[in-house]
Structures are given as structure tokens and as C-alpha cells.
Amino acid sequence: MYRPDLDYFPGILSVGLIAVWVLLGLIGLGLFVLLLVSLGRDAGRRNSNVAGWVILTVFTGFYGLALYLLNRGPIVAPTSES
């Protein structure tokens, strides 16, 4: 029975795994940026410090988001959806 030389196979697997991890990282980064944009828009509608909340969330991650959600006030500015 013919058995091909598979010395290159682990190298192909590692390149594929690196590509998967890079892709997952880019997807996660994109979702985090979307979260920051959403947080900034919501903070602007509530007359809150937009830059402060966004910077806090950038440095603390989801802890900053949790703090914002606990401390946000009522909506002051009308939305453009109506």
C-alpha cells in the first residue's frame, strides 16, 4: 500500500489554525467596535459623557459596559427612528 510522505502535514495544520485564530480575532474586534459605536450613540442620546464612557469601555472591556448599563439615565434626545 502506498503511504505518502506527510512531513509537511503538521505545517499545513498550523497555518490553518493560525488563519482560524486570526479570523476569530478580527470578528471579535469588529464586534467590540460595533459595541463601542452603539455605546457612544446611546450615551449621546442620554446626554452622558460619550468620550468618557467609550474610553472607559476600551480599557476595561465589558466591565465598562456593565458600569454604563447600571449608571445610564433616561433618554433626553429624541431618536431619528420616529
PDB file of N, CA and C in Angstrom:
ATOM      1  N   MET A   1       0.842  -1.175   0.000  1.00  0.00           N
ATOM      2  CA  MET A   1       0.000   0.000   0.000  1.00  0.00           C
ATOM      3  C   MET A   1       0.892   1.245   0.000  1.00  0.00           C
ATOM      4  N   TYR A   2       0.502   2.196  -0.798  1.00  0.00           N
ATOM      5  CA  TYR A   2       1.272   3.446  -0.917  1.00  0.00           C
ATOM      6  C   TYR A   2       0.961   4.360   0.255  1.00  0.00           C
ATOM      7  N   ARG A   3       1.999   4.829   0.895  1.00  0.00           N
ATOM      8  CA  ARG A   3       1.859   5.775   2.001  1.00  0.00           C
ATOM      9  C   ARG A   3       2.595   7.052   1.656  1.00  0.00           C
ATOM     10  N   PRO A   4       1.901   8.152   1.426  1.00  0.00           N
ATOM     11  CA  PRO A   4       2.596   9.382   1.040  1.00  0.00           C
ATOM     12  C   PRO A   4       3.382   9.959   2.211  1.00  0.00           C
ATOM     13  N   ASP A   5       4.362  10.737   1.871  1.00  0.00           N
ATOM     14  CA  ASP A   5       5.180  11.393   2.888  1.00  0.00           C
ATOM     15  C   ASP A   5       4.392  12.580   3.447  1.00  0.00           C
ATOM     16  N   LEU A   6       4.052  12.521   4.709  1.00  0.00           N
ATOM     17  CA  LEU A   6       3.227  13.555   5.315  1.00  0.00           C
ATOM     18  C   LEU A   6       4.016  14.449   6.265  1.00  0.00           C
ATOM     19  N   ASP A   7       5.286  14.645   5.991  1.00  0.00           N
ATOM     20  CA  ASP A   7       6.076  15.520   6.851  1.00  0.00           C
ATOM     21  C   ASP A   7       5.586  16.965   6.792  1.00  0.00           C
ATOM     22  N   TYR A   8       5.002  17.366   5.692  1.00  0.00           N
ATOM     23  CA  TYR A   8       4.516  18.744   5.556  1.00  0.00           C
ATOM     24  C   TYR A   8       3.155  18.944   6.215  1.00  0.00           C
ATOM     25  N   PHE A   9       2.463  17.889   6.552  1.00  0.00           N
ATOM     26  CA  PHE A   9       1.091  17.988   7.039  1.00  0.00           C
ATOM     27  C   PHE A   9       0.948  18.797   8.329  1.00  0.00           C
ATOM     28  N   PRO A  10       1.786  18.606   9.356  1.00  0.00           N
ATOM     29  CA  PRO A  10       1.625  19.436  10.559  1.00  0.00           C
ATOM     30  C   PRO A  10       1.817  20.922  10.271  1.00  0.00           C
ATOM     31  N   GLY A  11       2.664  21.250   9.317  1.00  0.00           N
ATOM     32  CA  GLY A  11       2.848  22.649   8.951  1.00  0.00           C
ATOM     33  C   GLY A  11       1.599  23.238   8.338  1.00  0.00           C
ATOM     34  N   ILE A  12       0.914  22.477   7.519  1.00  0.00           N
ATOM     35  CA  ILE A  12      -0.328  22.943   6.914  1.00  0.00           C
ATOM     36  C   ILE A  12      -1.388  23.138   7.991  1.00  0.00           C
ATOM     37  N   LEU A  13      -1.439  22.226   8.949  1.00  0.00           N
ATOM     38  CA  LEU A  13      -2.401  22.368  10.035  1.00  0.00           C
ATOM     39  C   LEU A  13      -2.137  23.622  10.855  1.00  0.00           C
ATOM     40  N   SER A  14      -0.878  23.913  11.146  1.00  0.00           N
ATOM     41  CA  SER A  14      -0.585  25.082  11.966  1.00  0.00           C
ATOM     42  C   SER A  14      -0.925  26.365  11.223  1.00  0.00           C
ATOM     43  N   VAL A  15      -0.707  26.414   9.920  1.00  0.00           N
ATOM     44  CA  VAL A  15      -1.079  27.598   9.151  1.00  0.00           C
ATOM     45  C   VAL A  15      -2.594  27.760   9.143  1.00  0.00           C
ATOM     46  N   GLY A  16      -3.305  26.663   9.004  1.00  0.00           N
ATOM     47  CA  GLY A  16      -4.763  26.727   9.033  1.00  0.00           C
ATOM     48  C   GLY A  16      -5.293  27.179  10.381  1.00  0.00           C
ATOM     49  N   LEU A  17      -4.697  26.673  11.453  1.00  0.00           N
ATOM     50  CA  LEU A  17      -5.140  27.076  12.785  1.00  0.00           C
ATOM     51  C   LEU A  17      -4.840  28.543  13.049  1.00  0.00           C
ATOM     52  N   ILE A  18      -3.698  29.007  12.575  1.00  0.00           N
ATOM     53  CA  ILE A  18      -3.364  30.425  12.723  1.00  0.00           C
ATOM     54  C   ILE A  18      -4.383  31.271  11.967  1.00  0.00           C
ATOM     55  N   ALA A  19      -4.747  30.840  10.773  1.00  0.00           N
ATOM     56  CA  ALA A  19      -5.740  31.585   9.987  1.00  0.00           C
ATOM     57  C   ALA A  19      -7.084  31.624  10.705  1.00  0.00           C
ATOM     58  N   VAL A  20      -7.479  30.523  11.311  1.00  0.00           N
ATOM     59  CA  VAL A  20      -8.746  30.487  12.048  1.00  0.00           C
ATOM     60  C   VAL A  20      -8.696  31.429  13.239  1.00  0.00           C
ATOM     61  N   TRP A  21      -7.598  31.412  13.983  1.00  0.00           N
ATOM     62  CA  TRP A  21      -7.470  32.293  15.146  1.00  0.00           C
ATOM     63  C   TRP A  21      -7.452  33.761  14.738  1.00  0.00           C
ATOM     64  N   VAL A  22      -6.777  34.074  13.648  1.00  0.00           N
ATOM     65  CA  VAL A  22      -6.761  35.457  13.166  1.00  0.00           C
ATOM     66  C   VAL A  22      -8.164  35.884  12.753  1.00  0.00           C
ATOM     67  N   LEU A  23      -8.876  35.019  12.049  1.00  0.00           N
ATOM     68  CA  LEU A  23     -10.231  35.332  11.632  1.00  0.00           C
ATOM     69  C   LEU A  23     -11.149  35.535  12.837  1.00  0.00           C
ATOM     70  N   LEU A  24     -11.055  34.674  13.830  1.00  0.00           N
ATOM     71  CA  LEU A  24     -11.863  34.837  15.041  1.00  0.00           C
ATOM     72  C   LEU A  24     -11.508  36.121  15.785  1.00  0.00           C
ATOM     73  N   GLY A  25     -10.243  36.461  15.805  1.00  0.00           N
ATOM     74  CA  GLY A  25      -9.823  37.706  16.441  1.00  0.00           C
ATOM     75  C   GLY A  25     -10.366  38.931  15.725  1.00  0.00           C
ATOM     76  N   LEU A  26     -10.353  38.899  14.396  1.00  0.00           N
ATOM     77  CA  LEU A  26     -10.898  40.020  13.630  1.00  0.00           C
ATOM     78  C   LEU A  26     -12.407  40.147  13.815  1.00  0.00           C
ATOM     79  N   ILE A  27     -13.096  39.030  13.876  1.00  0.00           N
ATOM     80  CA  ILE A  27     -14.536  39.064  14.130  1.00  0.00           C
ATOM     81  C   ILE A  27     -14.813  39.643  15.520  1.00  0.00           C
ATOM     82  N   GLY A  28     -14.052  39.211  16.512  1.00  0.00           N
ATOM     83  CA  GLY A  28     -14.216  39.738  17.869  1.00  0.00           C
ATOM     84  C   GLY A  28     -13.909  41.229  17.938  1.00  0.00           C
ATOM     85  N   LEU A  29     -12.869  41.669  17.248  1.00  0.00           N
ATOM     86  CA  LEU A  29     -12.531  43.089  17.227  1.00  0.00           C
ATOM     87  C   LEU A  29     -13.639  43.892  16.559  1.00  0.00           C
ATOM     88  N   GLY A  30     -14.185  43.367  15.477  1.00  0.00           N
ATOM     89  CA  GLY A  30     -15.289  44.050  14.802  1.00  0.00           C
ATOM     90  C   GLY A  30     -16.517  44.173  15.686  1.00  0.00           C
ATOM     91  N   LEU A  31     -16.835  43.115  16.414  1.00  0.00           N
ATOM     92  CA  LEU A  31     -17.980  43.166  17.332  1.00  0.00           C
ATOM     93  C   LEU A  31     -17.742  44.157  18.467  1.00  0.00           C
ATOM     94  N   PHE A  32     -16.499  44.244  18.938  1.00  0.00           N
ATOM     95  CA  PHE A  32     -16.173  45.187  20.003  1.00  0.00           C
ATOM     96  C   PHE A  32     -16.297  46.626  19.507  1.00  0.00           C
ATOM     97  N   VAL A  33     -15.874  46.879  18.272  1.00  0.00           N
ATOM     98  CA  VAL A  33     -16.005  48.219  17.696  1.00  0.00           C
ATOM     99  C   VAL A  33     -17.488  48.568  17.528  1.00  0.00           C
ATOM    100  N   LEU A  34     -18.294  47.611  17.071  1.00  0.00           N
ATOM    101  CA  LEU A  34     -19.732  47.859  16.965  1.00  0.00           C
ATOM    102  C   LEU A  34     -20.346  48.160  18.329  1.00  0.00           C
ATOM    103  N   LEU A  35     -19.885  47.472  19.363  1.00  0.00           N
ATOM    104  CA  LEU A  35     -20.356  47.725  20.714  1.00  0.00           C
ATOM    105  C   LEU A  35     -19.999  49.139  21.147  1.00  0.00           C
ATOM    106  N   LEU A  36     -18.774  49.588  20.826  1.00  0.00           N
ATOM    107  CA  LEU A  36     -18.354  50.936  21.211  1.00  0.00           C
ATOM    108  C   LEU A  36     -19.168  51.995  20.478  1.00  0.00           C
ATOM    109  N   VAL A  37     -19.451  51.766  19.203  1.00  0.00           N
ATOM    110  CA  VAL A  37     -20.264  52.718  18.434  1.00  0.00           C
ATOM    111  C   VAL A  37     -21.667  52.792  19.018  1.00  0.00           C
ATOM    112  N   SER A  38     -22.244  51.649  19.337  1.00  0.00           N
ATOM    113  CA  SER A  38     -23.577  51.615  19.923  1.00  0.00           C
ATOM    114  C   SER A  38     -23.602  52.310  21.283  1.00  0.00           C
ATOM    115  N   LEU A  39     -22.581  52.072  22.087  1.00  0.00           N
ATOM    116  CA  LEU A  39     -22.494  52.712  23.394  1.00  0.00           C
ATOM    117  C   LEU A  39     -22.373  54.219  23.233  1.00  0.00           C
ATOM    118  N   GLY A  40     -21.573  54.669  22.281  1.00  0.00           N
ATOM    119  CA  GLY A  40     -21.412  56.109  22.055  1.00  0.00           C
ATOM    120  C   GLY A  40     -22.701  56.773  21.612  1.00  0.00           C
ATOM    121  N   ARG A  41     -23.430  56.130  20.727  1.00  0.00           N
ATOM    122  CA  ARG A  41     -24.711  56.697  20.274  1.00  0.00           C
ATOM    123  C   ARG A  41     -25.723  56.754  21.413  1.00  0.00           C
ATOM    124  N   ASP A  42     -25.776  55.696  22.209  1.00  0.00           N
ATOM    125  CA  ASP A  42     -26.721  55.661  23.312  1.00  0.00           C
ATOM    126  C   ASP A  42     -26.351  56.707  24.368  1.00  0.00           C
ATOM    127  N   ALA A  43     -25.068  56.849  24.656  1.00  0.00           N
ATOM    128  CA  ALA A  43     -24.639  57.850  25.635  1.00  0.00           C
ATOM    129  C   ALA A  43     -24.925  59.256  25.130  1.00  0.00           C
ATOM    130  N   GLY A  44     -24.811  59.477  23.822  1.00  0.00           N
ATOM    131  CA  GLY A  44     -25.137  60.782  23.266  1.00  0.00           C
ATOM    132  C   GLY A  44     -26.616  61.105  23.393  1.00  0.00           C
ATOM    133  N   ARG A  45     -27.477  60.122  23.201  1.00  0.00           N
ATOM    134  CA  ARG A  45     -28.919  60.345  23.343  1.00  0.00           C
ATOM    135  C   ARG A  45     -29.320  60.609  24.788  1.00  0.00           C
ATOM    136  N   ARG A  46     -28.507  60.146  25.712  1.00  0.00           N
ATOM    137  CA  ARG A  46     -28.836  60.308  27.131  1.00  0.00           C
ATOM    138  C   ARG A  46     -28.079  61.470  27.776  1.00  0.00           C
ATOM    139  N   ASN A  47     -27.460  62.332  26.956  1.00  0.00           N
ATOM    140  CA  ASN A  47     -26.678  63.485  27.437  1.00  0.00           C
ATOM    141  C   ASN A  47     -25.626  63.066  28.457  1.00  0.00           C
ATOM    142  N   SER A  48     -24.945  61.981  28.172  1.00  0.00           N
ATOM    143  CA  SER A  48     -23.895  61.476  29.047  1.00  0.00           C
ATOM    144  C   SER A  48     -22.539  61.789  28.415  1.00  0.00           C
ATOM    145  N   ASN A  49     -21.476  61.604  29.148  1.00  0.00           N
ATOM    146  CA  ASN A  49     -20.127  61.858  28.650  1.00  0.00           C
ATOM    147  C   ASN A  49     -19.726  60.727  27.701  1.00  0.00           C
ATOM    148  N   VAL A  50     -19.870  60.974  26.401  1.00  0.00           N
ATOM    149  CA  VAL A  50     -19.637  59.931  25.403  1.00  0.00           C
ATOM    150  C   VAL A  50     -18.180  59.485  25.421  1.00  0.00           C
ATOM    151  N   ALA A  51     -17.256  60.421  25.350  1.00  0.00           N
ATOM    152  CA  ALA A  51     -15.831  60.075  25.287  1.00  0.00           C
ATOM    153  C   ALA A  51     -15.390  59.330  26.546  1.00  0.00           C
ATOM    154  N   GLY A  52     -15.875  59.762  27.679  1.00  0.00           N
ATOM    155  CA  GLY A  52     -15.502  59.107  28.932  1.00  0.00           C
ATOM    156  C   GLY A  52     -15.953  57.660  28.991  1.00  0.00           C
ATOM    157  N   TRP A  53     -17.202  57.402  28.591  1.00  0.00           N
ATOM    158  CA  TRP A  53     -17.712  56.032  28.636  1.00  0.00           C
ATOM    159  C   TRP A  53     -17.024  55.143  27.606  1.00  0.00           C
ATOM    160  N   VAL A  54     -16.760  55.695  26.428  1.00  0.00           N
ATOM    161  CA  VAL A  54     -16.089  54.897  25.395  1.00  0.00           C
ATOM    162  C   VAL A  54     -14.664  54.568  25.814  1.00  0.00           C
ATOM    163  N   ILE A  55     -13.943  55.553  26.352  1.00  0.00           N
ATOM    164  CA  ILE A  55     -12.563  55.300  26.797  1.00  0.00           C
ATOM    165  C   ILE A  55     -12.543  54.304  27.952  1.00  0.00           C
ATOM    166  N   LEU A  56     -13.470  54.461  28.883  1.00  0.00           N
ATOM    167  CA  LEU A  56     -13.548  53.506  29.995  1.00  0.00           C
ATOM    168  C   LEU A  56     -13.801  52.092  29.481  1.00  0.00           C
ATOM    169  N   THR A  57     -14.687  51.957  28.510  1.00  0.00           N
ATOM    170  CA  THR A  57     -15.010  50.641  27.977  1.00  0.00           C
ATOM    171  C   THR A  57     -13.859  50.070  27.163  1.00  0.00           C
ATOM    172  N   VAL A  58     -13.099  50.921  26.468  1.00  0.00           N
ATOM    173  CA  VAL A  58     -11.930  50.435  25.723  1.00  0.00           C
ATOM    174  C   VAL A  58     -10.914  49.824  26.675  1.00  0.00           C
ATOM    175  N   PHE A  59     -10.685  50.479  27.812  1.00  0.00           N
ATOM    176  CA  PHE A  59      -9.652  49.999  28.722  1.00  0.00           C
ATOM    177  C   PHE A  59     -10.118  48.897  29.668  1.00  0.00           C
ATOM    178  N   THR A  60     -11.404  48.855  29.966  1.00  0.00           N
ATOM    179  CA  THR A  60     -11.865  47.845  30.919  1.00  0.00           C
ATOM    180  C   THR A  60     -12.705  46.749  30.275  1.00  0.00           C
ATOM    181  N   GLY A  61     -13.034  46.912  29.006  1.00  0.00           N
ATOM    182  CA  GLY A  61     -13.796  45.884  28.303  1.00  0.00           C
ATOM    183  C   GLY A  61     -15.247  45.868  28.751  1.00  0.00           C
ATOM    184  N   PHE A  62     -15.744  44.685  28.980  1.00  0.00           N
ATOM    185  CA  PHE A  62     -17.160  44.545  29.301  1.00  0.00           C
ATOM    186  C   PHE A  62     -17.504  45.018  30.708  1.00  0.00           C
ATOM    187  N   TYR A  63     -16.488  45.237  31.561  1.00  0.00           N
ATOM    188  CA  TYR A  63     -16.770  45.825  32.873  1.00  0.00           C
ATOM    189  C   TYR A  63     -17.234  47.271  32.704  1.00  0.00           C
ATOM    190  N   GLY A  64     -16.619  48.000  31.788  1.00  0.00           N
ATOM    191  CA  GLY A  64     -17.050  49.363  31.496  1.00  0.00           C
ATOM    192  C   GLY A  64     -18.457  49.395  30.935  1.00  0.00           C
ATOM    193  N   LEU A  65     -18.774  48.433  30.074  1.00  0.00           N
ATOM    194  CA  LEU A  65     -20.131  48.345  29.535  1.00  0.00           C
ATOM    195  C   LEU A  65     -21.136  48.077  30.652  1.00  0.00           C
ATOM    196  N   ALA A  66     -20.791  47.182  31.554  1.00  0.00           N
ATOM    197  CA  ALA A  66     -21.689  46.874  32.674  1.00  0.00           C
ATOM    198  C   ALA A  66     -21.891  48.111  33.552  1.00  0.00           C
ATOM    199  N   LEU A  67     -20.814  48.865  33.815  1.00  0.00           N
ATOM    200  CA  LEU A  67     -20.953  50.097  34.597  1.00  0.00           C
ATOM    201  C   LEU A  67     -21.852  51.101  33.892  1.00  0.00           C
ATOM    202  N   TYR A  68     -21.688  51.219  32.577  1.00  0.00           N
ATOM    203  CA  TYR A  68     -22.537  52.141  31.821  1.00  0.00           C
ATOM    204  C   TYR A  68     -24.000  51.724  31.899  1.00  0.00           C
ATOM    205  N   LEU A  69     -24.266  50.448  31.716  1.00  0.00           N
ATOM    206  CA  LEU A  69     -25.648  49.976  31.749  1.00  0.00           C
ATOM    207  C   LEU A  69     -26.288  50.187  33.118  1.00  0.00           C
ATOM    208  N   LEU A  70     -25.487  50.097  34.167  1.00  0.00           N
ATOM    209  CA  LEU A  70     -26.023  50.319  35.516  1.00  0.00           C
ATOM    210  C   LEU A  70     -26.242  51.794  35.829  1.00  0.00           C
ATOM    211  N   ASN A  71     -25.465  52.683  35.177  1.00  0.00           N
ATOM    212  CA  ASN A  71     -25.499  54.102  35.529  1.00  0.00           C
ATOM    213  C   ASN A  71     -26.169  54.996  34.500  1.00  0.00           C
ATOM    214  N   ARG A  72     -26.679  54.453  33.415  1.00  0.00           N
ATOM    215  CA  ARG A  72     -27.243  55.327  32.389  1.00  0.00           C
ATOM    216  C   ARG A  72     -28.566  55.908  32.836  1.00  0.00           C
ATOM    217  N   GLY A  73     -28.819  57.108  32.354  1.00  0.00           N
ATOM    218  CA  GLY A  73     -30.041  57.811  32.731  1.00  0.00           C
ATOM    219  C   GLY A  73     -31.108  57.681  31.661  1.00  0.00           C
ATOM    220  N   PRO A  74     -32.150  58.498  31.779  1.00  0.00           N
ATOM    221  CA  PRO A  74     -33.234  58.436  30.791  1.00  0.00           C
ATOM    222  C   PRO A  74     -32.802  59.071  29.465  1.00  0.00           C
ATOM    223  N   ILE A  75     -33.504  58.707  28.393  1.00  0.00           N
ATOM    224  CA  ILE A  75     -33.209  59.266  27.076  1.00  0.00           C
ATOM    225  C   ILE A  75     -33.698  60.710  27.053  1.00  0.00           C
ATOM    226  N   VAL A  76     -32.795  61.623  26.660  1.00  0.00           N
ATOM    227  CA  VAL A  76     -33.124  63.033  26.615  1.00  0.00           C
ATOM    228  C   VAL A  76     -33.388  63.479  25.185  1.00  0.00           C
ATOM    229  N   ALA A  77     -32.507  63.092  24.257  1.00  0.00           N
ATOM    230  CA  ALA A  77     -32.633  63.483  22.847  1.00  0.00           C
ATOM    231  C   ALA A  77     -33.552  62.509  22.141  1.00  0.00           C
ATOM    232  N   PRO A  78     -34.429  63.010  21.277  1.00  0.00           N
ATOM    233  CA  PRO A  78     -35.301  62.089  20.527  1.00  0.00           C
ATOM    234  C   PRO A  78     -34.503  61.314  19.496  1.00  0.00           C
ATOM    235  N   THR A  79     -34.947  60.115  19.216  1.00  0.00           N
ATOM    236  CA  THR A  79     -34.274  59.296  18.217  1.00  0.00           C
ATOM    237  C   THR A  79     -34.787  59.660  16.837  1.00  0.00           C
ATOM    238  N   SER A  80     -34.007  59.383  15.807  1.00  0.00           N
ATOM    239  CA  SER A  80     -34.395  59.722  14.444  1.00  0.00           C
ATOM    240  C   SER A  80     -35.236  58.624  13.802  1.00  0.00           C
ATOM    241  N   GLU A  81     -35.582  57.588  14.554  1.00  0.00           N
ATOM    242  CA  GLU A  81     -36.346  56.463  14.030  1.00  0.00           C
ATOM    243  C   GLU A  81     -37.824  56.785  13.891  1.00  0.00           C
ATOM    244  N   SER A  82     -38.320  57.757  14.637  1.00  0.00           N
ATOM    245  CA  SER A  82     -39.763  58.045  14.602  1.00  0.00           C
ATOM    246  C   SER A  82     -40.133  59.071  13.559  1.00  0.00           C
TER     247      SER A  82
END
